Amino acid sequence: MSSDEENGRSLVAGIRAAILGGEFVPNQRLVEADLSERFTASRASVRAALLELANEGLIERVQNRGARVRAVSLEEAIEISEVRMVVEGLCTAKAAERVTKDEEAELAGIGESMRQAVASGDVLGYSGLNERLHRRIREISGQGTASSVLERLRGQNVRHQFRLAMYPGRSSVSLPEHLAIIDAIRAHDPEAAEQAARAHLRSVIEALPAADARR
């Protein structure tokens, strides 16, 4: 990879992280000159990075007004979760087929940490473990294409997911769902793993409207 390509990827990653981390909020205008100064990059590089992020669905181009962070509606968030339900079901089933003994122990450890986070009321810690669990399942599955799709969808839906994570009592609901996923993977039962993943995403879909209403 050339230095220009590496710098371009770094720039895209930097802007993406700022969006996912909440530094740039929905509908916020992204000014090329400001981004160029912040990330020490040329205007042309910034323009190319914004185009890539537009293709990912994180920003949108507005005629005569440049780029802004794309706001995802509740309806679209539900559609995204419905797609996730299918693709994550696939990844979870594949993970059950491929998981090693060491990975089984790792997933069990994540599950135990999730139990402790819920017991102590550590909502942010639980949210981080939730993301870690889903990421490791994707990695264990070996489904590169599906993982790329899910990562893009997660980026588009991150704000709705955060609202849901902060919804009172949500972690107590999702904990047994995640533990069921872990148990099915560790049992090398692809069918049960896929069903557990789908059940979890159905629960997410059902809870999104209430979480969205609290903002």
Protein backbone atom coordinates (compact mmCIF):
# COMPACT_ATOMS: atom_id res chain seq x y z
CA MET A 1 0.00 0.00 0.00
CA SER A 2 1.35 3.43 -0.94
CA SER A 3 1.71 6.22 1.63
CA ASP A 4 -1.11 8.16 -0.09
CA GLU A 5 -3.46 5.18 0.22
CA GLU A 6 -2.47 4.67 3.85
CA ASN A 7 -3.04 8.36 4.64
CA GLY A 8 -6.41 8.22 2.87
CA ARG A 9 -7.52 5.24 4.94
CA SER A 10 -6.32 6.96 8.11
CA LEU A 11 -8.32 10.06 7.22
CA VAL A 12 -11.48 8.05 6.54
CA ALA A 13 -10.99 6.18 9.83
CA GLY A 14 -10.50 9.44 11.72
CA ILE A 15 -13.66 11.08 10.40
CA ARG A 16 -15.62 7.85 10.87
CA ALA A 17 -14.46 7.59 14.49
CA ALA A 18 -15.52 11.20 15.14
CA ILE A 19 -19.00 10.43 13.80
CA LEU A 20 -19.39 7.15 15.68
CA GLY A 21 -17.99 8.72 18.85
CA GLY A 22 -20.54 11.53 18.78
CA GLU A 23 -18.13 14.39 18.07
CA PHE A 24 -20.02 15.04 14.83
CA VAL A 25 -23.78 14.81 15.41
CA PRO A 26 -26.63 14.04 12.99
CA ASN A 27 -27.30 16.82 10.47
CA GLN A 28 -24.06 18.60 11.41
CA ARG A 29 -22.42 20.18 8.38
CA LEU A 30 -18.94 18.89 7.62
CA VAL A 31 -16.81 21.72 6.24
CA GLU A 32 -13.92 20.56 4.08
CA ALA A 33 -11.62 23.38 5.22
CA ASP A 34 -12.24 22.56 8.89
CA LEU A 35 -11.67 18.85 8.36
CA SER A 36 -8.54 19.58 6.36
CA GLU A 37 -7.12 21.59 9.25
CA ARG A 38 -8.18 19.13 11.95
CA PHE A 39 -6.76 16.07 10.23
CA THR A 40 -3.83 17.81 8.52
CA ALA A 41 -4.96 16.67 5.10
CA SER A 42 -5.47 18.27 1.70
CA ARG A 43 -8.92 19.41 0.61
CA ALA A 44 -8.80 16.81 -2.18
CA SER A 45 -8.10 14.04 0.35
CA VAL A 46 -10.95 15.24 2.56
CA ARG A 47 -13.30 15.32 -0.43
CA ALA A 48 -12.37 11.72 -1.30
CA ALA A 49 -12.83 10.61 2.32
CA LEU A 50 -16.28 12.20 2.48
CA LEU A 51 -17.26 10.41 -0.72
CA GLU A 52 -16.24 7.07 0.78
CA LEU A 53 -18.17 7.80 3.98
CA ALA A 54 -21.19 8.77 1.89
CA ASN A 55 -20.97 5.35 0.24
CA GLU A 56 -20.98 3.83 3.74
CA GLY A 57 -24.15 5.73 4.58
CA LEU A 58 -22.59 7.79 7.39
CA ILE A 59 -22.83 11.15 5.65
CA GLU A 60 -24.90 12.64 2.85
CA ARG A 61 -24.07 15.18 0.18
CA VAL A 62 -26.45 18.13 0.00
CA GLN A 63 -26.58 20.08 -3.25
CA ASN A 64 -24.84 23.47 -2.91
CA ARG A 65 -24.32 22.86 0.82
CA GLY A 66 -21.56 20.24 0.96
CA ALA A 67 -21.72 17.28 3.31
CA ARG A 68 -23.41 16.61 6.63
CA VAL A 69 -23.71 13.71 9.05
CA ARG A 70 -26.66 11.60 7.98
CA ALA A 71 -29.54 11.29 10.44
CA VAL A 72 -31.08 7.81 10.51
CA SER A 73 -34.82 7.72 11.23
CA LEU A 74 -36.45 5.19 13.55
CA GLU A 75 -38.02 3.47 10.53
CA GLU A 76 -34.63 3.07 8.87
CA ALA A 77 -33.07 1.91 12.16
CA ILE A 78 -35.66 -0.86 12.32
CA GLU A 79 -34.96 -1.84 8.69
CA ILE A 80 -31.22 -1.95 9.45
CA SER A 81 -31.89 -4.19 12.46
CA GLU A 82 -34.01 -6.50 10.31
CA VAL A 83 -31.11 -6.93 7.90
CA ARG A 84 -28.75 -7.46 10.84
CA MET A 85 -31.07 -10.20 12.13
CA VAL A 86 -30.50 -12.23 8.97
CA VAL A 87 -26.78 -11.58 8.54
CA GLU A 88 -25.88 -11.93 12.22
CA GLY A 89 -27.84 -15.16 12.28
CA LEU A 90 -25.59 -16.44 9.49
CA CYS A 91 -22.40 -15.35 11.26
CA THR A 92 -23.51 -16.87 14.56
CA ALA A 93 -24.30 -20.20 12.91
CA LYS A 94 -20.90 -20.22 11.19
CA ALA A 95 -19.19 -19.31 14.46
CA ALA A 96 -20.82 -22.36 16.09
CA GLU A 97 -19.30 -24.53 13.35
CA ARG A 98 -15.80 -23.04 13.59
CA VAL A 99 -15.28 -22.09 17.24
CA THR A 100 -12.17 -23.51 18.95
CA LYS A 101 -11.71 -24.48 22.59
CA ASP A 102 -9.78 -21.28 23.29
CA GLU A 103 -12.51 -19.22 21.64
CA GLU A 104 -15.18 -21.04 23.62
CA ALA A 105 -13.38 -20.02 26.81
CA GLU A 106 -13.04 -16.44 25.56
CA LEU A 107 -16.76 -16.17 24.82
CA ALA A 108 -17.59 -17.65 28.22
CA GLY A 109 -15.36 -15.01 29.80
CA ILE A 110 -17.15 -12.22 27.94
CA GLY A 111 -20.47 -13.65 29.11
CA GLU A 112 -19.32 -13.68 32.73
CA SER A 113 -18.11 -10.09 32.44
CA MET A 114 -21.52 -9.14 31.04
CA ARG A 115 -23.19 -10.78 34.06
CA GLN A 116 -20.98 -8.77 36.40
CA ALA A 117 -21.65 -5.52 34.53
CA VAL A 118 -25.41 -6.01 34.81
CA ALA A 119 -25.15 -6.95 38.49
CA SER A 120 -23.14 -3.80 39.26
CA GLY A 121 -25.28 -1.50 37.09
CA ASP A 122 -22.36 -0.69 34.76
CA VAL A 123 -24.40 0.23 31.69
CA LEU A 124 -21.51 1.63 29.65
CA GLY A 125 -19.31 -1.34 30.51
CA TYR A 126 -22.06 -3.70 29.43
CA SER A 127 -22.51 -1.79 26.19
CA GLY A 128 -18.79 -2.14 25.43
CA LEU A 129 -18.90 -5.87 26.18
CA ASN A 130 -21.96 -6.20 23.95
CA GLU A 131 -20.05 -4.68 21.04
CA ARG A 132 -17.00 -6.85 21.80
CA LEU A 133 -19.10 -10.03 21.83
CA HIS A 134 -20.73 -9.29 18.49
CA ARG A 135 -17.35 -8.40 16.97
CA ARG A 136 -15.71 -11.62 18.19
CA ILE A 137 -18.58 -13.72 16.85
CA ARG A 138 -18.13 -12.09 13.44
CA GLU A 139 -14.39 -12.75 13.57
CA ILE A 140 -14.82 -16.37 14.66
CA SER A 141 -17.37 -16.94 11.88
CA GLY A 142 -14.75 -16.23 9.21
CA GLN A 143 -17.45 -14.55 7.10
CA GLY A 144 -15.52 -11.55 5.80
CA THR A 145 -18.21 -10.24 3.47
CA ALA A 146 -20.95 -10.54 6.09
CA SER A 147 -18.69 -8.89 8.66
CA SER A 148 -18.13 -5.92 6.36
CA VAL A 149 -21.87 -5.54 5.83
CA LEU A 150 -22.54 -5.68 9.58
CA GLU A 151 -19.82 -3.17 10.38
CA ARG A 152 -21.30 -0.72 7.91
CA LEU A 153 -24.80 -1.23 9.28
CA ARG A 154 -23.55 -0.80 12.85
CA GLY A 155 -21.99 2.52 11.89
CA GLN A 156 -25.25 3.78 10.41
CA ASN A 157 -27.26 2.66 13.43
CA VAL A 158 -24.86 3.58 16.23
CA ARG A 159 -26.97 6.38 17.72
CA HIS A 160 -30.12 4.30 17.95
CA GLN A 161 -28.08 1.48 19.48
CA PHE A 162 -26.66 3.88 22.08
CA ARG A 163 -30.14 5.11 23.02
CA LEU A 164 -31.25 1.51 23.38
CA ALA A 165 -28.23 0.65 25.54
CA MET A 166 -29.11 3.53 27.89
CA TYR A 167 -32.80 2.54 28.13
CA PRO A 168 -33.64 1.58 31.73
CA GLY A 169 -33.63 -2.17 32.25
CA ARG A 170 -32.46 -2.99 28.73
CA SER A 171 -29.26 -4.75 29.82
CA SER A 172 -31.24 -7.13 32.07
CA VAL A 173 -33.38 -8.07 29.05
CA SER A 174 -30.52 -8.54 26.62
CA LEU A 175 -28.16 -10.40 29.00
CA PRO A 176 -29.99 -13.77 28.83
CA GLU A 177 -30.30 -13.33 25.05
CA HIS A 178 -26.53 -12.89 24.73
CA LEU A 179 -25.84 -15.79 27.09
CA ALA A 180 -28.08 -18.01 24.95
CA ILE A 181 -26.04 -17.07 21.88
CA ILE A 182 -22.78 -17.88 23.69
CA ASP A 183 -24.11 -21.22 24.98
CA ALA A 184 -25.26 -22.29 21.50
CA ILE A 185 -21.93 -21.40 19.91
CA ARG A 186 -19.99 -23.23 22.63
CA ALA A 187 -22.27 -26.25 22.08
CA HIS A 188 -21.37 -26.21 18.36
CA ASP A 189 -25.08 -26.02 17.52
CA PRO A 190 -25.43 -23.81 14.40
CA GLU A 191 -29.23 -23.98 14.28
CA ALA A 192 -29.66 -23.01 17.92
CA ALA A 193 -27.02 -20.27 17.55
CA GLU A 194 -28.78 -18.75 14.56
CA GLN A 195 -32.15 -18.86 16.32
CA ALA A 196 -30.67 -17.24 19.43
CA ALA A 197 -29.14 -14.45 17.34
CA ARG A 198 -32.41 -13.84 15.52
CA ALA A 199 -34.35 -13.80 18.80
CA HIS A 200 -31.97 -11.19 20.17
CA LEU A 201 -32.36 -8.95 17.12
CA ARG A 202 -36.15 -9.33 17.24
CA SER A 203 -35.95 -8.10 20.82
CA VAL A 204 -33.87 -5.12 19.66
CA ILE A 205 -36.42 -4.27 16.97
CA GLU A 206 -39.28 -4.42 19.48
CA ALA A 207 -37.43 -2.15 21.94
CA LEU A 208 -36.21 0.52 19.49
CA PRO A 209 -39.43 2.60 19.37
CA ALA A 210 -39.58 3.02 23.15
CA ALA A 211 -35.88 3.89 23.37
CA ASP A 212 -36.23 6.39 20.53
CA ALA A 213 -39.19 8.07 22.25
CA ARG A 214 -37.05 8.84 25.33
CA ARG A 215 -34.48 11.00 23.56
